[in-house]
Amino acid sequence: MKTVFKNLRIYRFTIQLALLVLLGFILSQCRKDPMVLPTDDSDMVMTDYVYNNPDEFSEFGLILELTGVENILRVRGPYTLFLPTNDAMKAFYAKNQKSSYKDFEIDFLRDLAYNHILK
């Protein structure tokens, strides 16, 4: 009976020691300063891209401006914007039996804009 308890203590001690070593290894790999990716000043932020291409994206740009979501897209960040074209927006209006974005409620438009942003 003593050998069973002795073996259990040895296994328990071994597991605890292994976890402690693993924790020490993980903590030693942490960096104090985050890695910042280099950016080129000539690159545009999302909002600039939308507003500089009005022939393709003006409809969604108007929604971003109306809802205030454009301010989030003025910051460089780790996100993706699924940007619909004007034709896609007009098809969306037709599908919902509306003539423009002005026919939707502001809360709906804000949700629509946020649903096009992926972290």
PDB file of N, CA and C in Angstrom:
ATOM      1  N   MET A   1       0.822  -1.193   0.000  1.00  0.00           N
ATOM      2  CA  MET A   1       0.000   0.000   0.000  1.00  0.00           C
ATOM      3  C   MET A   1       0.865   1.256   0.000  1.00  0.00           C
ATOM      4  N   LYS A   2       2.018   1.169   0.731  1.00  0.00           N
ATOM      5  CA  LYS A   2       2.905   2.320   0.778  1.00  0.00           C
ATOM      6  C   LYS A   2       3.493   2.627  -0.588  1.00  0.00           C
ATOM      7  N   THR A   3       3.758   1.608  -1.356  1.00  0.00           N
ATOM      8  CA  THR A   3       4.353   1.833  -2.678  1.00  0.00           C
ATOM      9  C   THR A   3       3.373   2.514  -3.632  1.00  0.00           C
ATOM     10  N   VAL A   4       2.087   2.221  -3.493  1.00  0.00           N
ATOM     11  CA  VAL A   4       1.079   2.870  -4.335  1.00  0.00           C
ATOM     12  C   VAL A   4       1.049   4.366  -4.037  1.00  0.00           C
ATOM     13  N   PHE A   5       1.010   4.740  -2.750  1.00  0.00           N
ATOM     14  CA  PHE A   5       0.998   6.149  -2.386  1.00  0.00           C
ATOM     15  C   PHE A   5       2.307   6.829  -2.768  1.00  0.00           C
ATOM     16  N   LYS A   6       3.403   6.122  -2.639  1.00  0.00           N
ATOM     17  CA  LYS A   6       4.702   6.670  -3.007  1.00  0.00           C
ATOM     18  C   LYS A   6       4.752   6.937  -4.513  1.00  0.00           C
ATOM     19  N   ASN A   7       4.251   5.989  -5.297  1.00  0.00           N
ATOM     20  CA  ASN A   7       4.205   6.172  -6.754  1.00  0.00           C
ATOM     21  C   ASN A   7       3.299   7.326  -7.143  1.00  0.00           C
ATOM     22  N   LEU A   8       2.147   7.466  -6.478  1.00  0.00           N
ATOM     23  CA  LEU A   8       1.244   8.580  -6.762  1.00  0.00           C
ATOM     24  C   LEU A   8       1.914   9.913  -6.461  1.00  0.00           C
ATOM     25  N   ARG A   9       2.639   9.991  -5.355  1.00  0.00           N
ATOM     26  CA  ARG A   9       3.346  11.214  -5.000  1.00  0.00           C
ATOM     27  C   ARG A   9       4.425  11.536  -6.025  1.00  0.00           C
ATOM     28  N   ILE A  10       5.108  10.526  -6.502  1.00  0.00           N
ATOM     29  CA  ILE A  10       6.156  10.745  -7.500  1.00  0.00           C
ATOM     30  C   ILE A  10       5.540  11.254  -8.804  1.00  0.00           C
ATOM     31  N   TYR A  11       4.445  10.643  -9.247  1.00  0.00           N
ATOM     32  CA  TYR A  11       3.764  11.093 -10.464  1.00  0.00           C
ATOM     33  C   TYR A  11       3.256  12.511 -10.306  1.00  0.00           C
ATOM     34  N   ARG A  12       2.659  12.789  -9.190  1.00  0.00           N
ATOM     35  CA  ARG A  12       2.121  14.131  -8.920  1.00  0.00           C
ATOM     36  C   ARG A  12       3.248  15.153  -8.925  1.00  0.00           C
ATOM     37  N   PHE A  13       4.364  14.835  -8.270  1.00  0.00           N
ATOM     38  CA  PHE A  13       5.496  15.743  -8.231  1.00  0.00           C
ATOM     39  C   PHE A  13       6.067  15.952  -9.639  1.00  0.00           C
ATOM     40  N   THR A  14       6.142  14.885 -10.416  1.00  0.00           N
ATOM     41  CA  THR A  14       6.668  14.976 -11.780  1.00  0.00           C
ATOM     42  C   THR A  14       5.781  15.863 -12.651  1.00  0.00           C
ATOM     43  N   ILE A  15       4.488  15.694 -12.534  1.00  0.00           N
ATOM     44  CA  ILE A  15       3.549  16.513 -13.321  1.00  0.00           C
ATOM     45  C   ILE A  15       3.650  17.974 -12.904  1.00  0.00           C
ATOM     46  N   GLN A  16       3.705  18.244 -11.606  1.00  0.00           N
ATOM     47  CA  GLN A  16       3.823  19.619 -11.127  1.00  0.00           C
ATOM     48  C   GLN A  16       5.128  20.251 -11.610  1.00  0.00           C
ATOM     49  N   LEU A  17       6.208  19.513 -11.564  1.00  0.00           N
ATOM     50  CA  LEU A  17       7.499  20.017 -12.013  1.00  0.00           C
ATOM     51  C   LEU A  17       7.464  20.311 -13.509  1.00  0.00           C
ATOM     52  N   ALA A  18       6.860  19.434 -14.281  1.00  0.00           N
ATOM     53  CA  ALA A  18       6.763  19.637 -15.724  1.00  0.00           C
ATOM     54  C   ALA A  18       5.923  20.877 -16.034  1.00  0.00           C
ATOM     55  N   LEU A  19       4.825  21.068 -15.326  1.00  0.00           N
ATOM     56  CA  LEU A  19       3.987  22.255 -15.532  1.00  0.00           C
ATOM     57  C   LEU A  19       4.722  23.523 -15.153  1.00  0.00           C
ATOM     58  N   LEU A  20       5.500  23.465 -14.088  1.00  0.00           N
ATOM     59  CA  LEU A  20       6.274  24.632 -13.655  1.00  0.00           C
ATOM     60  C   LEU A  20       7.332  24.992 -14.696  1.00  0.00           C
ATOM     61  N   VAL A  21       8.011  23.999 -15.245  1.00  0.00           N
ATOM     62  CA  VAL A  21       9.010  24.240 -16.285  1.00  0.00           C
ATOM     63  C   VAL A  21       8.341  24.803 -17.536  1.00  0.00           C
ATOM     64  N   LEU A  22       7.201  24.254 -17.908  1.00  0.00           N
ATOM     65  CA  LEU A  22       6.452  24.737 -19.064  1.00  0.00           C
ATOM     66  C   LEU A  22       6.016  26.187 -18.863  1.00  0.00           C
ATOM     67  N   LEU A  23       5.524  26.514 -17.679  1.00  0.00           N
ATOM     68  CA  LEU A  23       5.112  27.882 -17.386  1.00  0.00           C
ATOM     69  C   LEU A  23       6.305  28.828 -17.465  1.00  0.00           C
ATOM     70  N   GLY A  24       7.430  28.416 -16.928  1.00  0.00           N
ATOM     71  CA  GLY A  24       8.632  29.229 -17.004  1.00  0.00           C
ATOM     72  C   GLY A  24       9.065  29.468 -18.437  1.00  0.00           C
ATOM     73  N   PHE A  25       8.973  28.446 -19.268  1.00  0.00           N
ATOM     74  CA  PHE A  25       9.329  28.586 -20.675  1.00  0.00           C
ATOM     75  C   PHE A  25       8.390  29.555 -21.382  1.00  0.00           C
ATOM     76  N   ILE A  26       7.102  29.420 -21.133  1.00  0.00           N
ATOM     77  CA  ILE A  26       6.115  30.298 -21.768  1.00  0.00           C
ATOM     78  C   ILE A  26       6.344  31.749 -21.353  1.00  0.00           C
ATOM     79  N   LEU A  27       6.559  31.980 -20.077  1.00  0.00           N
ATOM     80  CA  LEU A  27       6.756  33.343 -19.605  1.00  0.00           C
ATOM     81  C   LEU A  27       8.063  33.948 -20.109  1.00  0.00           C
ATOM     82  N   SER A  28       9.061  33.137 -20.337  1.00  0.00           N
ATOM     83  CA  SER A  28      10.329  33.672 -20.835  1.00  0.00           C
ATOM     84  C   SER A  28      10.216  34.101 -22.298  1.00  0.00           C
ATOM     85  N   GLN A  29       9.201  33.616 -22.991  1.00  0.00           N
ATOM     86  CA  GLN A  29       9.019  33.967 -24.394  1.00  0.00           C
ATOM     87  C   GLN A  29       8.182  35.228 -24.593  1.00  0.00           C
ATOM     88  N   CYS A  30       7.612  35.771 -23.538  1.00  0.00           N
ATOM     89  CA  CYS A  30       6.791  36.977 -23.641  1.00  0.00           C
ATOM     90  C   CYS A  30       7.675  38.177 -23.939  1.00  0.00           C
ATOM     91  N   ARG A  31       7.170  39.067 -24.768  1.00  0.00           N
ATOM     92  CA  ARG A  31       7.896  40.291 -25.099  1.00  0.00           C
ATOM     93  C   ARG A  31       7.243  41.458 -24.373  1.00  0.00           C
ATOM     94  N   LYS A  32       8.071  42.373 -23.917  1.00  0.00           N
ATOM     95  CA  LYS A  32       7.524  43.545 -23.239  1.00  0.00           C
ATOM     96  C   LYS A  32       6.959  44.539 -24.241  1.00  0.00           C
ATOM     97  N   ASP A  33       7.627  44.700 -25.368  1.00  0.00           N
ATOM     98  CA  ASP A  33       7.178  45.638 -26.389  1.00  0.00           C
ATOM     99  C   ASP A  33       6.482  44.872 -27.506  1.00  0.00           C
ATOM    100  N   PRO A  34       5.298  45.324 -27.916  1.00  0.00           N
ATOM    101  CA  PRO A  34       4.610  44.629 -29.001  1.00  0.00           C
ATOM    102  C   PRO A  34       5.344  44.850 -30.322  1.00  0.00           C
ATOM    103  N   MET A  35       5.231  43.902 -31.199  1.00  0.00           N
ATOM    104  CA  MET A  35       5.845  44.038 -32.509  1.00  0.00           C
ATOM    105  C   MET A  35       4.957  44.936 -33.370  1.00  0.00           C
ATOM    106  N   VAL A  36       5.510  46.009 -33.878  1.00  0.00           N
ATOM    107  CA  VAL A  36       4.768  46.949 -34.713  1.00  0.00           C
ATOM    108  C   VAL A  36       5.210  46.743 -36.155  1.00  0.00           C
ATOM    109  N   LEU A  37       4.257  46.485 -36.998  1.00  0.00           N
ATOM    110  CA  LEU A  37       4.572  46.270 -38.397  1.00  0.00           C
ATOM    111  C   LEU A  37       4.840  47.604 -39.074  1.00  0.00           C
ATOM    112  N   PRO A  38       5.815  47.651 -39.956  1.00  0.00           N
ATOM    113  CA  PRO A  38       6.108  48.913 -40.633  1.00  0.00           C
ATOM    114  C   PRO A  38       4.990  49.271 -41.609  1.00  0.00           C
ATOM    115  N   THR A  39       4.713  50.559 -41.705  1.00  0.00           N
ATOM    116  CA  THR A  39       3.693  51.025 -42.639  1.00  0.00           C
ATOM    117  C   THR A  39       4.310  52.061 -43.559  1.00  0.00           C
ATOM    118  N   ASP A  40       3.805  52.121 -44.738  1.00  0.00           N
ATOM    119  CA  ASP A  40       4.249  53.107 -45.709  1.00  0.00           C
ATOM    120  C   ASP A  40       3.288  54.283 -45.630  1.00  0.00           C
ATOM    121  N   ASP A  41       3.816  55.484 -45.490  1.00  0.00           N
ATOM    122  CA  ASP A  41       2.969  56.665 -45.340  1.00  0.00           C
ATOM    123  C   ASP A  41       2.077  56.910 -46.546  1.00  0.00           C
ATOM    124  N   SER A  42       2.444  56.357 -47.688  1.00  0.00           N
ATOM    125  CA  SER A  42       1.625  56.561 -48.875  1.00  0.00           C
ATOM    126  C   SER A  42       0.391  55.666 -48.889  1.00  0.00           C
ATOM    127  N   ASP A  43       0.353  54.662 -48.014  1.00  0.00           N
ATOM    128  CA  ASP A  43      -0.823  53.784 -47.948  1.00  0.00           C
ATOM    129  C   ASP A  43      -2.005  54.536 -47.363  1.00  0.00           C
ATOM    130  N   MET A  44      -3.175  54.245 -47.889  1.00  0.00           N
ATOM    131  CA  MET A  44      -4.385  54.890 -47.391  1.00  0.00           C
ATOM    132  C   MET A  44      -5.041  54.031 -46.320  1.00  0.00           C
ATOM    133  N   VAL A  45      -5.730  54.685 -45.402  1.00  0.00           N
ATOM    134  CA  VAL A  45      -6.577  53.954 -44.466  1.00  0.00           C
ATOM    135  C   VAL A  45      -7.883  53.646 -45.195  1.00  0.00           C
ATOM    136  N   MET A  46      -8.699  52.783 -44.598  1.00  0.00           N
ATOM    137  CA  MET A  46      -9.918  52.317 -45.276  1.00  0.00           C
ATOM    138  C   MET A  46     -10.839  53.459 -45.699  1.00  0.00           C
ATOM    139  N   THR A  47     -11.038  54.412 -44.815  1.00  0.00           N
ATOM    140  CA  THR A  47     -11.953  55.507 -45.124  1.00  0.00           C
ATOM    141  C   THR A  47     -11.447  56.308 -46.325  1.00  0.00           C
ATOM    142  N   ASP A  48     -10.143  56.563 -46.368  1.00  0.00           N
ATOM    143  CA  ASP A  48      -9.578  57.281 -47.511  1.00  0.00           C
ATOM    144  C   ASP A  48      -9.799  56.507 -48.797  1.00  0.00           C
ATOM    145  N   TYR A  49      -9.627  55.200 -48.743  1.00  0.00           N
ATOM    146  CA  TYR A  49      -9.825  54.380 -49.931  1.00  0.00           C
ATOM    147  C   TYR A  49     -11.269  54.465 -50.420  1.00  0.00           C
ATOM    148  N   VAL A  50     -12.205  54.389 -49.486  1.00  0.00           N
ATOM    149  CA  VAL A  50     -13.625  54.455 -49.857  1.00  0.00           C
ATOM    150  C   VAL A  50     -13.939  55.806 -50.492  1.00  0.00           C
ATOM    151  N   TYR A  51     -13.465  56.890 -49.870  1.00  0.00           N
ATOM    152  CA  TYR A  51     -13.783  58.229 -50.362  1.00  0.00           C
ATOM    153  C   TYR A  51     -13.010  58.598 -51.625  1.00  0.00           C
ATOM    154  N   ASN A  52     -11.856  57.980 -51.862  1.00  0.00           N
ATOM    155  CA  ASN A  52     -11.079  58.261 -53.072  1.00  0.00           C
ATOM    156  C   ASN A  52     -11.550  57.457 -54.275  1.00  0.00           C
ATOM    157  N   ASN A  53     -12.497  56.563 -54.078  1.00  0.00           N
ATOM    158  CA  ASN A  53     -13.068  55.774 -55.169  1.00  0.00           C
ATOM    159  C   ASN A  53     -14.588  55.896 -55.173  1.00  0.00           C
ATOM    160  N   PRO A  54     -15.101  57.113 -55.372  1.00  0.00           N
ATOM    161  CA  PRO A  54     -16.565  57.308 -55.279  1.00  0.00           C
ATOM    162  C   PRO A  54     -17.341  56.601 -56.387  1.00  0.00           C
ATOM    163  N   ASP A  55     -16.706  56.360 -57.534  1.00  0.00           N
ATOM    164  CA  ASP A  55     -17.420  55.680 -58.627  1.00  0.00           C
ATOM    165  C   ASP A  55     -17.801  54.257 -58.253  1.00  0.00           C
ATOM    166  N   GLU A  56     -17.005  53.656 -57.361  1.00  0.00           N
ATOM    167  CA  GLU A  56     -17.264  52.270 -56.973  1.00  0.00           C
ATOM    168  C   GLU A  56     -17.936  52.127 -55.610  1.00  0.00           C
ATOM    169  N   PHE A  57     -17.606  53.029 -54.666  1.00  0.00           N
ATOM    170  CA  PHE A  57     -17.982  52.785 -53.276  1.00  0.00           C
ATOM    171  C   PHE A  57     -18.708  53.940 -52.591  1.00  0.00           C
ATOM    172  N   SER A  58     -19.243  54.884 -53.317  1.00  0.00           N
ATOM    173  CA  SER A  58     -19.846  56.064 -52.692  1.00  0.00           C
ATOM    174  C   SER A  58     -21.074  55.718 -51.841  1.00  0.00           C
ATOM    175  N   GLU A  59     -21.854  54.738 -52.251  1.00  0.00           N
ATOM    176  CA  GLU A  59     -23.047  54.376 -51.481  1.00  0.00           C
ATOM    177  C   GLU A  59     -22.687  53.908 -50.076  1.00  0.00           C
ATOM    178  N   PHE A  60     -21.710  53.016 -49.987  1.00  0.00           N
ATOM    179  CA  PHE A  60     -21.295  52.531 -48.675  1.00  0.00           C
ATOM    180  C   PHE A  60     -20.576  53.634 -47.901  1.00  0.00           C
ATOM    181  N   GLY A  61     -19.862  54.505 -48.614  1.00  0.00           N
ATOM    182  CA  GLY A  61     -19.208  55.644 -47.976  1.00  0.00           C
ATOM    183  C   GLY A  61     -20.216  56.570 -47.306  1.00  0.00           C
ATOM    184  N   LEU A  62     -21.338  56.780 -47.939  1.00  0.00           N
ATOM    185  CA  LEU A  62     -22.395  57.618 -47.347  1.00  0.00           C
ATOM    186  C   LEU A  62     -22.954  56.975 -46.073  1.00  0.00           C
ATOM    187  N   ILE A  63     -23.070  55.654 -46.089  1.00  0.00           N
ATOM    188  CA  ILE A  63     -23.547  54.949 -44.889  1.00  0.00           C
ATOM    189  C   ILE A  63     -22.521  55.065 -43.768  1.00  0.00           C
ATOM    190  N   LEU A  64     -21.247  54.912 -44.104  1.00  0.00           N
ATOM    191  CA  LEU A  64     -20.193  55.058 -43.094  1.00  0.00           C
ATOM    192  C   LEU A  64     -20.203  56.450 -42.482  1.00  0.00           C
ATOM    193  N   GLU A  65     -20.387  57.447 -43.330  1.00  0.00           N
ATOM    194  CA  GLU A  65     -20.402  58.835 -42.852  1.00  0.00           C
ATOM    195  C   GLU A  65     -21.627  59.098 -41.975  1.00  0.00           C
ATOM    196  N   LEU A  66     -22.790  58.642 -42.399  1.00  0.00           N
ATOM    197  CA  LEU A  66     -24.022  58.875 -41.653  1.00  0.00           C
ATOM    198  C   LEU A  66     -24.005  58.206 -40.284  1.00  0.00           C
ATOM    199  N   THR A  67     -23.472  56.996 -40.219  1.00  0.00           N
ATOM    200  CA  THR A  67     -23.492  56.240 -38.961  1.00  0.00           C
ATOM    201  C   THR A  67     -22.302  56.546 -38.052  1.00  0.00           C
ATOM    202  N   GLY A  68     -21.273  57.211 -38.586  1.00  0.00           N
ATOM    203  CA  GLY A  68     -20.097  57.513 -37.773  1.00  0.00           C
ATOM    204  C   GLY A  68     -19.094  56.372 -37.710  1.00  0.00           C
ATOM    205  N   VAL A  69     -19.358  55.299 -38.416  1.00  0.00           N
ATOM    206  CA  VAL A  69     -18.456  54.157 -38.418  1.00  0.00           C
ATOM    207  C   VAL A  69     -17.162  54.497 -39.156  1.00  0.00           C
ATOM    208  N   GLU A  70     -17.201  55.541 -39.971  1.00  0.00           N
ATOM    209  CA  GLU A  70     -16.006  55.951 -40.715  1.00  0.00           C
ATOM    210  C   GLU A  70     -14.841  56.279 -39.785  1.00  0.00           C
ATOM    211  N   ASN A  71     -15.132  56.757 -38.587  1.00  0.00           N
ATOM    212  CA  ASN A  71     -14.064  57.111 -37.646  1.00  0.00           C
ATOM    213  C   ASN A  71     -13.259  55.895 -37.209  1.00  0.00           C
ATOM    214  N   ILE A  72     -13.907  54.748 -37.105  1.00  0.00           N
ATOM    215  CA  ILE A  72     -13.202  53.519 -36.747  1.00  0.00           C
ATOM    216  C   ILE A  72     -12.248  53.122 -37.870  1.00  0.00           C
ATOM    217  N   LEU A  73     -12.663  53.350 -39.101  1.00  0.00           N
ATOM    218  CA  LEU A  73     -11.865  52.940 -40.250  1.00  0.00           C
ATOM    219  C   LEU A  73     -10.772  53.945 -40.601  1.00  0.00           C
ATOM    220  N   ARG A  74     -10.660  55.025 -39.859  1.00  0.00           N
ATOM    221  CA  ARG A  74      -9.593  56.006 -40.071  1.00  0.00           C
ATOM    222  C   ARG A  74      -8.299  55.588 -39.373  1.00  0.00           C
ATOM    223  N   VAL A  75      -8.360  54.523 -38.604  1.00  0.00           N
ATOM    224  CA  VAL A  75      -7.206  54.037 -37.853  1.00  0.00           C
ATOM    225  C   VAL A  75      -6.663  52.791 -38.536  1.00  0.00           C
ATOM    226  N   ARG A  76      -5.343  52.736 -38.656  1.00  0.00           N
ATOM    227  CA  ARG A  76      -4.734  51.501 -39.172  1.00  0.00           C
ATOM    228  C   ARG A  76      -4.899  50.433 -38.106  1.00  0.00           C
ATOM    229  N   GLY A  77      -5.369  49.316 -38.502  1.00  0.00           N
ATOM    230  CA  GLY A  77      -5.581  48.291 -37.501  1.00  0.00           C
ATOM    231  C   GLY A  77      -5.664  46.915 -38.112  1.00  0.00           C
ATOM    232  N   PRO A  78      -5.679  45.959 -37.269  1.00  0.00           N
ATOM    233  CA  PRO A  78      -5.804  44.586 -37.779  1.00  0.00           C
ATOM    234  C   PRO A  78      -7.266  44.241 -38.023  1.00  0.00           C
ATOM    235  N   TYR A  79      -7.821  44.754 -39.095  1.00  0.00           N
ATOM    236  CA  TYR A  79      -9.202  44.441 -39.434  1.00  0.00           C
ATOM    237  C   TYR A  79      -9.338  44.369 -40.943  1.00  0.00           C
ATOM    238  N   THR A  80     -10.444  43.807 -41.361  1.00  0.00           N
ATOM    239  CA  THR A  80     -10.761  43.680 -42.776  1.00  0.00           C
ATOM    240  C   THR A  80     -12.128  44.305 -43.009  1.00  0.00           C
ATOM    241  N   LEU A  81     -12.250  45.054 -44.080  1.00  0.00           N
ATOM    242  CA  LEU A  81     -13.524  45.652 -44.457  1.00  0.00           C
ATOM    243  C   LEU A  81     -14.008  44.953 -45.717  1.00  0.00           C
ATOM    244  N   PHE A  82     -15.166  44.340 -45.637  1.00  0.00           N
ATOM    245  CA  PHE A  82     -15.806  43.767 -46.811  1.00  0.00           C
ATOM    246  C   PHE A  82     -16.610  44.889 -47.455  1.00  0.00           C
ATOM    247  N   LEU A  83     -16.027  45.503 -48.462  1.00  0.00           N
ATOM    248  CA  LEU A  83     -16.550  46.735 -49.046  1.00  0.00           C
ATOM    249  C   LEU A  83     -17.434  46.431 -50.249  1.00  0.00           C
ATOM    250  N   PRO A  84     -18.741  46.670 -50.126  1.00  0.00           N
ATOM    251  CA  PRO A  84     -19.637  46.427 -51.255  1.00  0.00           C
ATOM    252  C   PRO A  84     -19.565  47.568 -52.273  1.00  0.00           C
ATOM    253  N   THR A  85     -19.694  47.218 -53.522  1.00  0.00           N
ATOM    254  CA  THR A  85     -19.692  48.228 -54.586  1.00  0.00           C
ATOM    255  C   THR A  85     -21.043  48.928 -54.633  1.00  0.00           C
ATOM    256  N   ASN A  86     -21.108  49.990 -55.424  1.00  0.00           N
ATOM    257  CA  ASN A  86     -22.376  50.704 -55.582  1.00  0.00           C
ATOM    258  C   ASN A  86     -23.441  49.799 -56.191  1.00  0.00           C
ATOM    259  N   ASP A  87     -23.034  48.970 -57.133  1.00  0.00           N
ATOM    260  CA  ASP A  87     -23.996  48.039 -57.752  1.00  0.00           C
ATOM    261  C   ASP A  87     -24.548  47.050 -56.725  1.00  0.00           C
ATOM    262  N   ALA A  88     -23.683  46.563 -55.840  1.00  0.00           N
ATOM    263  CA  ALA A  88     -24.127  45.635 -54.798  1.00  0.00           C
ATOM    264  C   ALA A  88     -25.084  46.329 -53.833  1.00  0.00           C
ATOM    265  N   MET A  89     -24.793  47.581 -53.502  1.00  0.00           N
ATOM    266  CA  MET A  89     -25.676  48.319 -52.593  1.00  0.00           C
ATOM    267  C   MET A  89     -27.039  48.562 -53.248  1.00  0.00           C
ATOM    268  N   LYS A  90     -27.044  48.897 -54.540  1.00  0.00           N
ATOM    269  CA  LYS A  90     -28.313  49.132 -55.237  1.00  0.00           C
ATOM    270  C   LYS A  90     -29.132  47.843 -55.337  1.00  0.00           C
ATOM    271  N   ALA A  91     -28.454  46.722 -55.521  1.00  0.00           N
ATOM    272  CA  ALA A  91     -29.147  45.431 -55.531  1.00  0.00           C
ATOM    273  C   ALA A  91     -29.720  45.128 -54.147  1.00  0.00           C
ATOM    274  N   PHE A  92     -28.988  45.509 -53.096  1.00  0.00           N
ATOM    275  CA  PHE A  92     -29.465  45.324 -51.728  1.00  0.00           C
ATOM    276  C   PHE A  92     -30.705  46.187 -51.477  1.00  0.00           C
ATOM    277  N   TYR A  93     -30.680  47.426 -51.959  1.00  0.00           N
ATOM    278  CA  TYR A  93     -31.855  48.305 -51.805  1.00  0.00           C
ATOM    279  C   TYR A  93     -33.060  47.704 -52.517  1.00  0.00           C
ATOM    280  N   ALA A  94     -32.847  47.227 -53.738  1.00  0.00           N
ATOM    281  CA  ALA A  94     -33.950  46.660 -54.520  1.00  0.00           C
ATOM    282  C   ALA A  94     -34.512  45.412 -53.838  1.00  0.00           C
ATOM    283  N   LYS A  95     -33.627  44.597 -53.292  1.00  0.00           N
ATOM    284  CA  LYS A  95     -34.065  43.372 -52.616  1.00  0.00           C
ATOM    285  C   LYS A  95     -34.931  43.699 -51.398  1.00  0.00           C
ATOM    286  N   ASN A  96     -34.626  44.796 -50.726  1.00  0.00           N
ATOM    287  CA  ASN A  96     -35.386  45.205 -49.547  1.00  0.00           C
ATOM    288  C   ASN A  96     -36.474  46.220 -49.868  1.00  0.00           C
ATOM    289  N   GLN A  97     -36.743  46.414 -51.159  1.00  0.00           N
ATOM    290  CA  GLN A  97     -37.783  47.315 -51.646  1.00  0.00           C
ATOM    291  C   GLN A  97     -37.595  48.740 -51.117  1.00  0.00           C
ATOM    292  N   LYS A  98     -36.367  49.220 -51.204  1.00  0.00           N
ATOM    293  CA  LYS A  98     -36.016  50.582 -50.809  1.00  0.00           C
ATOM    294  C   LYS A  98     -35.337  51.242 -51.997  1.00  0.00           C
ATOM    295  N   SER A  99     -35.353  52.573 -52.019  1.00  0.00           N
ATOM    296  CA  SER A  99     -34.727  53.271 -53.140  1.00  0.00           C
ATOM    297  C   SER A  99     -33.316  53.749 -52.811  1.00  0.00           C
ATOM    298  N   SER A 100     -33.021  53.954 -51.529  1.00  0.00           N
ATOM    299  CA  SER A 100     -31.665  54.364 -51.140  1.00  0.00           C
ATOM    300  C   SER A 100     -31.440  54.040 -49.671  1.00  0.00           C
ATOM    301  N   TYR A 101     -30.235  54.354 -49.201  1.00  0.00           N
ATOM    302  CA  TYR A 101     -29.897  54.104 -47.795  1.00  0.00           C
ATOM    303  C   TYR A 101     -30.742  54.968 -46.858  1.00  0.00           C
ATOM    304  N   LYS A 102     -31.267  56.069 -47.361  1.00  0.00           N
ATOM    305  CA  LYS A 102     -32.062  56.980 -46.532  1.00  0.00           C
ATOM    306  C   LYS A 102     -33.388  56.361 -46.094  1.00  0.00           C
ATOM    307  N   ASP A 103     -33.808  55.314 -46.771  1.00  0.00           N
ATOM    308  CA  ASP A 103     -35.068  54.661 -46.431  1.00  0.00           C
ATOM    309  C   ASP A 103     -34.932  53.669 -45.269  1.00  0.00           C
ATOM    310  N   PHE A 104     -33.708  53.414 -44.827  1.00  0.00           N
ATOM    311  CA  PHE A 104     -33.458  52.500 -43.707  1.00  0.00           C
ATOM    312  C   PHE A 104     -33.295  53.297 -42.414  1.00  0.00           C
ATOM    313  N   GLU A 105     -33.537  52.630 -41.299  1.00  0.00           N
ATOM    314  CA  GLU A 105     -33.312  53.263 -39.997  1.00  0.00           C
ATOM    315  C   GLU A 105     -31.821  53.321 -39.718  1.00  0.00           C
ATOM    316  N   ILE A 106     -31.411  54.331 -38.953  1.00  0.00           N
ATOM    317  CA  ILE A 106     -29.997  54.545 -38.662  1.00  0.00           C
ATOM    318  C   ILE A 106     -29.386  53.356 -37.923  1.00  0.00           C
ATOM    319  N   ASP A 107     -30.127  52.742 -37.015  1.00  0.00           N
ATOM    320  CA  ASP A 107     -29.602  51.581 -36.282  1.00  0.00           C
ATOM    321  C   ASP A 107     -29.334  50.402 -37.221  1.00  0.00           C
ATOM    322  N   PHE A 108     -30.217  50.219 -38.177  1.00  0.00           N
ATOM    323  CA  PHE A 108     -30.013  49.158 -39.159  1.00  0.00           C
ATOM    324  C   PHE A 108     -28.762  49.420 -39.987  1.00  0.00           C
ATOM    325  N   LEU A 109     -28.577  50.666 -40.403  1.00  0.00           N
ATOM    326  CA  LEU A 109     -27.405  51.022 -41.200  1.00  0.00           C
ATOM    327  C   LEU A 109     -26.113  50.870 -40.403  1.00  0.00           C
ATOM    328  N   ARG A 110     -26.157  51.208 -39.119  1.00  0.00           N
ATOM    329  CA  ARG A 110     -24.970  51.052 -38.269  1.00  0.00           C
ATOM    330  C   ARG A 110     -24.612  49.572 -38.141  1.00  0.00           C
ATOM    331  N   ASP A 111     -25.629  48.735 -37.921  1.00  0.00           N
ATOM    332  CA  ASP A 111     -25.381  47.287 -37.848  1.00  0.00           C
ATOM    333  C   ASP A 111     -24.847  46.755 -39.176  1.00  0.00           C
ATOM    334  N   LEU A 112     -25.390  47.263 -40.267  1.00  0.00           N
ATOM    335  CA  LEU A 112     -24.937  46.854 -41.596  1.00  0.00           C
ATOM    336  C   LEU A 112     -23.456  47.197 -41.787  1.00  0.00           C
ATOM    337  N   ALA A 113     -23.080  48.400 -41.392  1.00  0.00           N
ATOM    338  CA  ALA A 113     -21.674  48.824 -41.524  1.00  0.00           C
ATOM    339  C   ALA A 113     -20.764  47.975 -40.642  1.00  0.00           C
ATOM    340  N   TYR A 114     -21.168  47.763 -39.394  1.00  0.00           N
ATOM    341  CA  TYR A 114     -20.345  46.950 -38.488  1.00  0.00           C
ATOM    342  C   TYR A 114     -20.232  45.500 -38.955  1.00  0.00           C
ATOM    343  N   ASN A 115     -21.278  44.987 -39.598  1.00  0.00           N
ATOM    344  CA  ASN A 115     -21.225  43.611 -40.093  1.00  0.00           C
ATOM    345  C   ASN A 115     -20.273  43.442 -41.270  1.00  0.00           C
ATOM    346  N   HIS A 116     -19.820  44.538 -41.850  1.00  0.00           N
ATOM    347  CA  HIS A 116     -18.852  44.473 -42.948  1.00  0.00           C
ATOM    348  C   HIS A 116     -17.417  44.590 -42.456  1.00  0.00           C
ATOM    349  N   ILE A 117     -17.221  44.724 -41.140  1.00  0.00           N
ATOM    350  CA  ILE A 117     -15.883  44.848 -40.557  1.00  0.00           C
ATOM    351  C   ILE A 117     -15.583  43.579 -39.781  1.00  0.00           C
ATOM    352  N   LEU A 118     -14.414  43.016 -40.052  1.00  0.00           N
ATOM    353  CA  LEU A 118     -13.988  41.793 -39.372  1.00  0.00           C
ATOM    354  C   LEU A 118     -12.669  42.060 -38.691  1.00  0.00           C
ATOM    355  N   LYS A 119     -12.617  41.732 -37.386  1.00  0.00           N
ATOM    356  CA  LYS A 119     -11.368  41.944 -36.632  1.00  0.00           C
ATOM    357  C   LYS A 119     -10.332  40.938 -37.055  1.00  0.00           C
TER     358      LYS A 119
END
